[in-house]
């Protein structure tokens, strides 16, 4: 409508009149920070997870925070948050070979022991399944998977990811 008025500015909208409102947060999810981390062929994965009410909490799997593109990212979650139930799921992104693979494996096994679902992307799929001693060859081409206590579900696209994220309690 502001285009019809030819106003030189974007109108301010009241939150009750169609303004942007983020999805309410349903669950806090740990994001395992890895060097050169990415979401493989699903670059919109982070926004899809957030749109389904999952708040991503950076979780260090090494000794310190992570520097991404010149920006320091400090962890807001720890592996112990999986044990006490503060994190309802874990996200394992793709990334470079970790110097602290033991710490990443610890996060994965803790999540499995607690029954927390894990979303794995790119080479994070193989990393997570190896840490759990599960066969990973069948999922080599999957852009992402959802790992639960007794199942590995391939996620082919953002719609499948959104559906799976909506099931996290």
N, C-alpha and C. Protein backbone atom coordinates (compact mmCIF):
# COMPACT_ATOMS: atom_id res chain seq x y z
N UNK A 1 0.80 -1.18 0.00
CA UNK A 1 0.00 0.00 0.00
C UNK A 1 0.85 1.26 0.00
N UNK A 2 2.02 1.19 0.61
CA UNK A 2 2.82 2.41 0.65
C UNK A 2 3.30 2.77 -0.74
N UNK A 3 3.36 1.79 -1.66
CA UNK A 3 3.75 2.10 -3.03
C UNK A 3 2.67 2.93 -3.71
N UNK A 4 1.42 2.70 -3.35
CA UNK A 4 0.34 3.48 -3.93
C UNK A 4 0.40 4.93 -3.48
N UNK A 5 0.87 5.15 -2.25
CA UNK A 5 0.98 6.52 -1.74
C UNK A 5 2.25 7.18 -2.22
N UNK A 6 3.17 6.38 -2.78
CA UNK A 6 4.47 6.86 -3.24
C UNK A 6 5.26 7.51 -2.10
N UNK A 7 5.15 6.89 -0.94
CA UNK A 7 5.89 7.39 0.22
C UNK A 7 7.36 7.05 0.05
N UNK A 8 8.26 7.94 0.46
CA UNK A 8 9.69 7.69 0.31
C UNK A 8 10.27 6.81 1.41
N UNK A 9 9.42 6.17 2.18
CA UNK A 9 9.89 5.33 3.28
C UNK A 9 8.99 4.10 3.39
N UNK A 10 9.49 3.10 4.08
CA UNK A 10 8.71 1.91 4.35
C UNK A 10 7.87 2.19 5.59
N UNK A 11 6.60 1.88 5.54
CA UNK A 11 5.76 2.19 6.70
C UNK A 11 6.12 1.31 7.89
N UNK A 12 5.94 1.85 9.06
CA UNK A 12 6.14 1.08 10.28
C UNK A 12 4.86 0.31 10.53
N UNK A 13 5.01 -0.94 10.87
CA UNK A 13 3.82 -1.74 11.12
C UNK A 13 3.76 -2.10 12.58
N UNK A 14 2.59 -2.13 13.08
CA UNK A 14 2.35 -2.56 14.45
C UNK A 14 2.37 -4.08 14.45
N UNK A 15 2.91 -4.68 15.48
CA UNK A 15 3.03 -6.14 15.53
C UNK A 15 1.68 -6.83 15.36
N UNK A 16 0.62 -6.18 15.74
CA UNK A 16 -0.70 -6.77 15.62
C UNK A 16 -1.30 -6.62 14.23
N UNK A 17 -0.66 -5.89 13.34
CA UNK A 17 -1.22 -5.66 12.01
C UNK A 17 -0.34 -6.21 10.91
N UNK A 18 0.01 -7.46 10.99
CA UNK A 18 0.74 -8.10 9.91
C UNK A 18 2.24 -7.93 9.93
N UNK A 19 2.80 -7.40 11.00
CA UNK A 19 4.25 -7.28 11.08
C UNK A 19 4.90 -8.64 11.24
N UNK A 20 6.20 -8.71 10.98
CA UNK A 20 6.92 -9.98 11.11
C UNK A 20 7.01 -10.38 12.56
N UNK A 21 6.63 -11.61 12.83
CA UNK A 21 6.78 -12.16 14.17
C UNK A 21 7.47 -13.50 14.05
N UNK A 22 8.61 -13.69 14.71
CA UNK A 22 9.27 -14.99 14.65
C UNK A 22 8.43 -16.06 15.33
N UNK A 23 8.69 -17.30 14.96
CA UNK A 23 7.98 -18.42 15.56
C UNK A 23 8.31 -18.49 17.04
N UNK A 24 7.33 -18.83 17.87
CA UNK A 24 7.62 -18.98 19.29
C UNK A 24 8.59 -20.14 19.52
N UNK A 25 9.45 -19.98 20.48
CA UNK A 25 10.46 -21.01 20.76
C UNK A 25 9.81 -22.14 21.53
N UNK A 26 9.89 -23.34 20.95
CA UNK A 26 9.35 -24.54 21.58
C UNK A 26 10.41 -25.33 22.30
N UNK A 27 11.63 -25.33 21.75
CA UNK A 27 12.69 -26.17 22.31
C UNK A 27 14.05 -25.56 22.01
N UNK A 28 14.97 -25.76 22.91
CA UNK A 28 16.35 -25.33 22.73
C UNK A 28 17.15 -26.52 22.21
N UNK A 29 17.91 -26.27 21.14
CA UNK A 29 18.63 -27.33 20.45
C UNK A 29 20.11 -26.97 20.41
N UNK A 30 20.98 -27.92 20.71
CA UNK A 30 22.42 -27.68 20.68
C UNK A 30 22.96 -27.76 19.26
N UNK A 31 23.73 -26.76 18.86
CA UNK A 31 24.39 -26.74 17.56
C UNK A 31 25.87 -26.99 17.78
N UNK A 32 26.35 -28.18 17.43
CA UNK A 32 27.76 -28.52 17.61
C UNK A 32 28.60 -27.67 16.67
N UNK A 33 29.40 -26.77 17.23
CA UNK A 33 30.22 -25.88 16.41
C UNK A 33 31.46 -26.63 15.91
N UNK A 34 31.60 -26.67 14.59
CA UNK A 34 32.74 -27.32 13.96
C UNK A 34 33.43 -26.31 13.06
N UNK A 35 34.71 -26.49 12.87
CA UNK A 35 35.45 -25.62 11.96
C UNK A 35 34.90 -25.78 10.55
N UNK A 36 34.74 -24.69 9.84
CA UNK A 36 34.21 -24.67 8.47
C UNK A 36 32.84 -25.31 8.40
N UNK A 37 32.03 -25.12 9.45
CA UNK A 37 30.73 -25.77 9.48
C UNK A 37 29.78 -25.17 8.45
N UNK A 38 28.94 -26.05 7.90
CA UNK A 38 27.91 -25.65 6.95
C UNK A 38 26.82 -26.70 6.96
N UNK A 39 25.76 -26.44 6.23
CA UNK A 39 24.64 -27.37 6.19
C UNK A 39 24.56 -28.10 4.85
N UNK A 40 25.71 -28.24 4.19
CA UNK A 40 25.79 -29.00 2.95
C UNK A 40 24.87 -28.44 1.88
N UNK A 41 24.03 -29.28 1.32
CA UNK A 41 23.14 -28.86 0.24
C UNK A 41 21.85 -28.24 0.76
N UNK A 42 21.76 -28.02 2.07
CA UNK A 42 20.59 -27.35 2.66
C UNK A 42 21.03 -26.06 3.34
N UNK A 43 21.41 -25.05 2.56
CA UNK A 43 21.90 -23.82 3.19
C UNK A 43 20.86 -23.09 4.03
N UNK A 44 19.57 -23.39 3.83
CA UNK A 44 18.52 -22.73 4.60
C UNK A 44 18.11 -23.53 5.84
N UNK A 45 18.87 -24.53 6.20
CA UNK A 45 18.51 -25.42 7.31
C UNK A 45 18.32 -24.66 8.62
N UNK A 46 19.21 -23.72 8.90
CA UNK A 46 19.11 -22.99 10.16
C UNK A 46 17.79 -22.22 10.23
N UNK A 47 17.41 -21.55 9.17
CA UNK A 47 16.16 -20.80 9.19
C UNK A 47 14.95 -21.73 9.22
N UNK A 48 15.04 -22.89 8.61
CA UNK A 48 13.94 -23.86 8.66
C UNK A 48 13.76 -24.35 10.10
N UNK A 49 14.84 -24.67 10.78
CA UNK A 49 14.75 -25.13 12.17
C UNK A 49 14.17 -24.04 13.06
N UNK A 50 14.63 -22.81 12.87
CA UNK A 50 14.11 -21.69 13.67
C UNK A 50 12.64 -21.44 13.39
N UNK A 51 12.22 -21.58 12.14
CA UNK A 51 10.82 -21.34 11.79
C UNK A 51 9.89 -22.38 12.43
N UNK A 52 10.44 -23.51 12.82
CA UNK A 52 9.64 -24.54 13.49
C UNK A 52 9.77 -24.47 15.01
N UNK A 53 10.30 -23.35 15.51
CA UNK A 53 10.34 -23.11 16.95
C UNK A 53 11.53 -23.70 17.67
N UNK A 54 12.58 -24.07 16.95
CA UNK A 54 13.77 -24.61 17.59
C UNK A 54 14.82 -23.51 17.70
N UNK A 55 15.25 -23.22 18.90
CA UNK A 55 16.27 -22.21 19.15
C UNK A 55 17.64 -22.89 19.14
N UNK A 56 18.53 -22.45 18.26
CA UNK A 56 19.85 -23.08 18.14
C UNK A 56 20.82 -22.45 19.12
N UNK A 57 21.36 -23.26 20.00
CA UNK A 57 22.33 -22.82 21.00
C UNK A 57 23.71 -23.34 20.60
N UNK A 58 24.65 -22.45 20.24
CA UNK A 58 26.00 -22.92 19.88
C UNK A 58 26.61 -23.72 21.02
N UNK A 59 27.21 -24.84 20.67
CA UNK A 59 27.78 -25.73 21.66
C UNK A 59 29.20 -26.07 21.23
N UNK A 60 30.17 -25.74 22.05
CA UNK A 60 31.56 -25.99 21.72
C UNK A 60 31.89 -27.46 21.87
N UNK A 61 32.54 -28.02 20.86
CA UNK A 61 33.01 -29.39 20.95
C UNK A 61 34.54 -29.40 20.98
N UNK A 62 35.09 -28.28 21.40
CA UNK A 62 36.53 -28.14 21.52
C UNK A 62 36.85 -27.39 22.80
N UNK A 63 38.06 -26.86 22.86
CA UNK A 63 38.50 -26.17 24.07
C UNK A 63 38.01 -24.73 24.16
N UNK A 64 37.66 -24.11 23.03
CA UNK A 64 37.32 -22.69 23.05
C UNK A 64 36.18 -22.43 22.08
N UNK A 65 35.86 -21.13 21.96
CA UNK A 65 34.84 -20.73 21.00
C UNK A 65 35.36 -20.90 19.59
N UNK A 66 34.56 -20.50 18.64
CA UNK A 66 34.88 -20.69 17.24
C UNK A 66 34.89 -19.35 16.55
N UNK A 67 35.82 -19.17 15.62
CA UNK A 67 35.89 -17.95 14.84
C UNK A 67 35.38 -18.28 13.44
N UNK A 68 34.25 -17.67 13.06
CA UNK A 68 33.64 -17.92 11.76
C UNK A 68 33.67 -16.64 10.95
N UNK A 69 34.49 -16.61 9.91
CA UNK A 69 34.56 -15.43 9.05
C UNK A 69 34.95 -14.17 9.79
N UNK A 70 35.79 -14.29 10.77
CA UNK A 70 36.23 -13.13 11.53
C UNK A 70 35.32 -12.77 12.70
N UNK A 71 34.27 -13.50 12.89
CA UNK A 71 33.34 -13.26 13.99
C UNK A 71 33.48 -14.38 15.01
N UNK A 72 33.69 -14.01 16.25
CA UNK A 72 33.79 -15.00 17.32
C UNK A 72 32.41 -15.45 17.75
N UNK A 73 32.22 -16.75 17.82
CA UNK A 73 30.95 -17.33 18.28
C UNK A 73 31.26 -18.03 19.59
N UNK A 74 30.67 -17.55 20.66
CA UNK A 74 30.90 -18.14 21.96
C UNK A 74 29.80 -19.14 22.26
N UNK A 75 30.15 -20.26 22.85
CA UNK A 75 29.14 -21.28 23.15
C UNK A 75 28.18 -20.82 24.24
N UNK A 76 26.91 -21.16 24.06
CA UNK A 76 25.90 -20.87 25.08
C UNK A 76 25.33 -22.16 25.66
N UNK A 77 25.82 -23.29 25.18
CA UNK A 77 25.38 -24.59 25.69
C UNK A 77 26.60 -25.49 25.86
N UNK A 78 26.44 -26.48 26.71
CA UNK A 78 27.52 -27.44 26.98
C UNK A 78 26.95 -28.85 26.82
N UNK A 79 27.85 -29.81 26.74
CA UNK A 79 27.41 -31.20 26.63
C UNK A 79 26.58 -31.61 27.83
N UNK A 80 26.85 -31.05 28.99
CA UNK A 80 26.08 -31.40 30.19
C UNK A 80 24.63 -30.94 30.08
N UNK A 81 24.34 -29.97 29.21
CA UNK A 81 22.95 -29.54 29.01
C UNK A 81 22.11 -30.63 28.35
N UNK A 82 22.76 -31.55 27.66
CA UNK A 82 22.03 -32.70 27.11
C UNK A 82 21.59 -33.61 28.25
N UNK A 83 22.50 -33.83 29.20
CA UNK A 83 22.22 -34.73 30.32
C UNK A 83 21.08 -34.23 31.20
N UNK A 84 21.05 -32.91 31.45
CA UNK A 84 20.02 -32.38 32.36
C UNK A 84 18.72 -32.02 31.64
N UNK A 85 18.65 -32.26 30.33
CA UNK A 85 17.41 -32.04 29.60
C UNK A 85 17.20 -30.62 29.09
N UNK A 86 18.18 -29.74 29.28
CA UNK A 86 18.04 -28.36 28.80
C UNK A 86 18.03 -28.30 27.27
N UNK A 87 18.71 -29.24 26.63
CA UNK A 87 18.71 -29.33 25.17
C UNK A 87 17.82 -30.49 24.77
N UNK A 88 16.89 -30.23 23.87
CA UNK A 88 15.93 -31.26 23.45
C UNK A 88 16.39 -32.03 22.22
N UNK A 89 17.39 -31.52 21.52
CA UNK A 89 17.93 -32.18 20.33
C UNK A 89 19.32 -31.61 20.07
N UNK A 90 20.02 -32.21 19.12
CA UNK A 90 21.37 -31.77 18.76
C UNK A 90 21.46 -31.69 17.24
N UNK A 91 22.16 -30.66 16.76
CA UNK A 91 22.41 -30.50 15.33
C UNK A 91 23.90 -30.70 15.08
N UNK A 92 24.23 -31.64 14.18
CA UNK A 92 25.61 -31.91 13.80
C UNK A 92 25.79 -31.43 12.36
N UNK A 93 26.37 -30.24 12.16
CA UNK A 93 26.56 -29.76 10.79
C UNK A 93 27.75 -30.43 10.12
N UNK A 94 27.87 -30.22 8.82
CA UNK A 94 29.07 -30.66 8.12
C UNK A 94 30.20 -29.75 8.56
N UNK A 95 31.42 -30.21 8.40
CA UNK A 95 32.56 -29.38 8.79
C UNK A 95 33.85 -30.09 8.49
N UNK A 96 34.94 -29.41 8.81
CA UNK A 96 36.25 -30.01 8.56
C UNK A 96 36.53 -31.08 9.61
N UNK A 97 37.52 -31.89 9.33
CA UNK A 97 37.92 -32.92 10.28
C UNK A 97 38.27 -32.25 11.60
N UNK A 98 37.70 -32.74 12.65
CA UNK A 98 37.86 -32.11 13.95
C UNK A 98 39.08 -32.61 14.68
N UNK A 99 39.82 -31.65 15.25
CA UNK A 99 40.92 -32.05 16.12
C UNK A 99 40.35 -32.66 17.40
N UNK A 100 39.16 -32.22 17.77
CA UNK A 100 38.52 -32.68 18.98
C UNK A 100 37.39 -33.65 18.66
N UNK A 101 37.69 -34.65 17.82
CA UNK A 101 36.66 -35.62 17.42
C UNK A 101 36.11 -36.35 18.64
N UNK A 102 36.93 -36.56 19.66
CA UNK A 102 36.46 -37.24 20.86
C UNK A 102 35.36 -36.43 21.55
N UNK A 103 35.51 -35.11 21.58
CA UNK A 103 34.48 -34.26 22.20
C UNK A 103 33.18 -34.30 21.40
N UNK A 104 33.27 -34.31 20.07
CA UNK A 104 32.09 -34.40 19.23
C UNK A 104 31.42 -35.76 19.41
N UNK A 105 32.21 -36.81 19.46
CA UNK A 105 31.65 -38.15 19.70
C UNK A 105 30.97 -38.23 21.06
N UNK A 106 31.52 -37.54 22.06
CA UNK A 106 30.92 -37.50 23.39
C UNK A 106 29.53 -36.86 23.33
N UNK A 107 29.42 -35.75 22.60
CA UNK A 107 28.13 -35.07 22.45
C UNK A 107 27.12 -36.01 21.79
N UNK A 108 27.56 -36.69 20.75
CA UNK A 108 26.67 -37.60 20.01
C UNK A 108 26.21 -38.75 20.90
N UNK A 109 27.12 -39.36 21.63
CA UNK A 109 26.74 -40.50 22.48
C UNK A 109 25.87 -40.06 23.66
N UNK A 110 26.11 -38.85 24.18
CA UNK A 110 25.25 -38.34 25.26
C UNK A 110 23.82 -38.13 24.76
N UNK A 111 23.71 -37.55 23.56
CA UNK A 111 22.39 -37.32 22.98
C UNK A 111 21.66 -38.64 22.77
N UNK A 112 22.39 -39.63 22.28
CA UNK A 112 21.79 -40.96 22.06
C UNK A 112 21.34 -41.57 23.38
N UNK A 113 22.17 -41.47 24.41
CA UNK A 113 21.84 -42.05 25.72
C UNK A 113 20.63 -41.36 26.33
N UNK A 114 20.48 -40.07 26.11
CA UNK A 114 19.36 -39.31 26.67
C UNK A 114 18.10 -39.47 25.82
N UNK A 115 18.25 -39.99 24.60
CA UNK A 115 17.09 -40.14 23.71
C UNK A 115 16.77 -38.87 22.95
N UNK A 116 17.73 -37.94 22.89
CA UNK A 116 17.52 -36.69 22.16
C UNK A 116 17.74 -36.92 20.67
N UNK A 117 16.82 -36.46 19.83
CA UNK A 117 17.02 -36.62 18.39
C UNK A 117 18.21 -35.79 17.92
N UNK A 118 18.84 -36.25 16.83
CA UNK A 118 19.97 -35.53 16.25
C UNK A 118 19.71 -35.28 14.78
N UNK A 119 19.93 -34.05 14.36
CA UNK A 119 19.89 -33.69 12.95
C UNK A 119 21.33 -33.63 12.48
N UNK A 120 21.68 -34.36 11.45
CA UNK A 120 23.04 -34.35 10.92
C UNK A 120 22.99 -33.93 9.45
N UNK A 121 23.96 -33.14 9.03
CA UNK A 121 24.01 -32.59 7.68
C UNK A 121 25.35 -32.89 7.02
N UNK A 122 25.32 -33.14 5.71
CA UNK A 122 26.56 -33.34 4.94
C UNK A 122 27.41 -34.45 5.53
N UNK A 123 28.71 -34.16 5.72
CA UNK A 123 29.58 -35.18 6.29
C UNK A 123 29.33 -35.41 7.78
N UNK A 124 28.51 -34.57 8.39
CA UNK A 124 28.10 -34.80 9.77
C UNK A 124 27.25 -36.05 9.91
N UNK A 125 26.60 -36.47 8.81
CA UNK A 125 25.82 -37.70 8.81
C UNK A 125 26.74 -38.88 9.10
N UNK A 126 27.81 -38.99 8.34
CA UNK A 126 28.75 -40.09 8.54
C UNK A 126 29.40 -40.01 9.92
N UNK A 127 29.78 -38.81 10.34
CA UNK A 127 30.41 -38.63 11.64
C UNK A 127 29.50 -39.12 12.76
N UNK A 128 28.24 -38.73 12.71
CA UNK A 128 27.30 -39.10 13.77
C UNK A 128 27.02 -40.61 13.77
N UNK A 129 26.81 -41.17 12.59
CA UNK A 129 26.49 -42.60 12.53
C UNK A 129 27.69 -43.46 12.92
N UNK A 130 28.90 -43.03 12.57
CA UNK A 130 30.10 -43.78 13.01
C UNK A 130 30.25 -43.74 14.52
N UNK A 131 29.99 -42.57 15.12
CA UNK A 131 30.11 -42.44 16.58
C UNK A 131 29.12 -43.36 17.29
N UNK A 132 28.00 -43.64 16.63
CA UNK A 132 26.98 -44.52 17.22
C UNK A 132 27.13 -45.97 16.78
N UNK A 133 28.17 -46.26 16.03
CA UNK A 133 28.40 -47.61 15.49
C UNK A 133 27.21 -48.12 14.69
N UNK A 134 26.67 -47.24 13.88
CA UNK A 134 25.56 -47.62 13.00
C UNK A 134 26.06 -47.59 11.55
N UNK A 135 25.47 -48.38 10.69
CA UNK A 135 25.88 -48.35 9.28
C UNK A 135 25.55 -46.99 8.65
N UNK A 136 26.51 -46.46 7.92
CA UNK A 136 26.32 -45.13 7.33
C UNK A 136 26.34 -45.14 5.81
N UNK A 137 26.68 -46.26 5.21
CA UNK A 137 26.81 -46.33 3.75
C UNK A 137 25.50 -46.02 3.05
N UNK A 138 24.38 -46.46 3.59
CA UNK A 138 23.08 -46.24 2.96
C UNK A 138 22.68 -44.77 2.95
N UNK A 139 23.30 -43.97 3.80
CA UNK A 139 22.95 -42.56 3.91
C UNK A 139 24.04 -41.64 3.37
N UNK A 140 24.97 -42.20 2.60
CA UNK A 140 26.09 -41.42 2.07
C UNK A 140 25.63 -40.26 1.19
N UNK A 141 24.55 -40.43 0.44
CA UNK A 141 24.09 -39.39 -0.46
C UNK A 141 22.98 -38.52 0.12
N UNK A 142 22.56 -38.80 1.33
CA UNK A 142 21.48 -38.02 1.95
C UNK A 142 22.02 -36.66 2.38
N UNK A 143 21.33 -35.57 2.02
CA UNK A 143 21.79 -34.25 2.44
C UNK A 143 21.70 -34.06 3.95
N UNK A 144 20.75 -34.77 4.58
CA UNK A 144 20.59 -34.68 6.03
C UNK A 144 19.84 -35.91 6.52
N UNK A 145 19.97 -36.19 7.81
CA UNK A 145 19.21 -37.27 8.43
C UNK A 145 18.75 -36.83 9.81
N UNK A 146 17.70 -37.47 10.27
CA UNK A 146 17.24 -37.34 11.65
C UNK A 146 17.52 -38.68 12.31
N UNK A 147 18.34 -38.65 13.36
CA UNK A 147 18.71 -39.86 14.08
C UNK A 147 17.95 -39.87 15.40
N UNK A 148 17.16 -40.91 15.61
CA UNK A 148 16.46 -41.09 16.87
C UNK A 148 16.98 -42.37 17.52
N UNK A 149 16.39 -42.74 18.63
CA UNK A 149 16.89 -43.89 19.40
C UNK A 149 17.01 -45.15 18.56
N UNK A 150 16.03 -45.40 17.70
CA UNK A 150 16.06 -46.66 16.95
C UNK A 150 15.88 -46.48 15.45
N UNK A 151 16.00 -45.27 14.95
CA UNK A 151 15.73 -45.04 13.54
C UNK A 151 16.65 -43.96 12.97
N UNK A 152 16.95 -44.09 11.69
CA UNK A 152 17.66 -43.05 10.94
C UNK A 152 16.78 -42.71 9.75
N UNK A 153 16.29 -41.47 9.74
CA UNK A 153 15.36 -41.03 8.70
C UNK A 153 16.07 -40.05 7.76
N UNK A 154 16.21 -40.39 6.48
CA UNK A 154 16.82 -39.45 5.55
C UNK A 154 15.90 -38.26 5.31
N UNK A 155 16.49 -37.07 5.24
CA UNK A 155 15.75 -35.84 4.97
C UNK A 155 16.23 -35.30 3.63
N UNK A 156 15.39 -35.42 2.62
CA UNK A 156 15.79 -35.10 1.25
C UNK A 156 15.80 -33.62 0.94
N UNK A 157 14.97 -32.83 1.63
CA UNK A 157 14.88 -31.40 1.31
C UNK A 157 14.41 -30.61 2.53
N UNK A 158 14.22 -29.31 2.34
CA UNK A 158 13.82 -28.44 3.44
C UNK A 158 12.44 -28.77 3.98
N UNK A 159 11.54 -29.24 3.12
CA UNK A 159 10.20 -29.61 3.58
C UNK A 159 10.27 -30.80 4.53
N UNK A 160 11.08 -31.80 4.20
CA UNK A 160 11.25 -32.96 5.07
C UNK A 160 11.90 -32.55 6.39
N UNK A 161 12.85 -31.62 6.31
CA UNK A 161 13.50 -31.10 7.53
C UNK A 161 12.48 -30.37 8.41
N UNK A 162 11.63 -29.57 7.81
CA UNK A 162 10.62 -28.82 8.56
C UNK A 162 9.65 -29.78 9.25
N UNK A 163 9.24 -30.82 8.57
CA UNK A 163 8.33 -31.81 9.13
C UNK A 163 9.00 -32.52 10.31
N UNK A 164 10.25 -32.90 10.15
CA UNK A 164 10.98 -33.57 11.24
C UNK A 164 11.20 -32.64 12.41
N UNK A 165 11.52 -31.38 12.15
CA UNK A 165 11.76 -30.41 13.22
C UNK A 165 10.49 -30.15 14.02
N UNK A 166 9.36 -30.21 13.37
CA UNK A 166 8.09 -29.98 14.07
C UNK A 166 7.79 -31.08 15.09
N UNK A 167 8.42 -32.24 14.95
CA UNK A 167 8.18 -33.36 15.87
C UNK A 167 9.04 -33.27 17.14
N UNK A 168 10.04 -32.39 17.17
CA UNK A 168 10.91 -32.28 18.35
C UNK A 168 10.12 -31.64 19.48
N UNK A 169 10.13 -32.32 20.62
CA UNK A 169 9.39 -31.81 21.79
C UNK A 169 10.34 -31.21 22.78
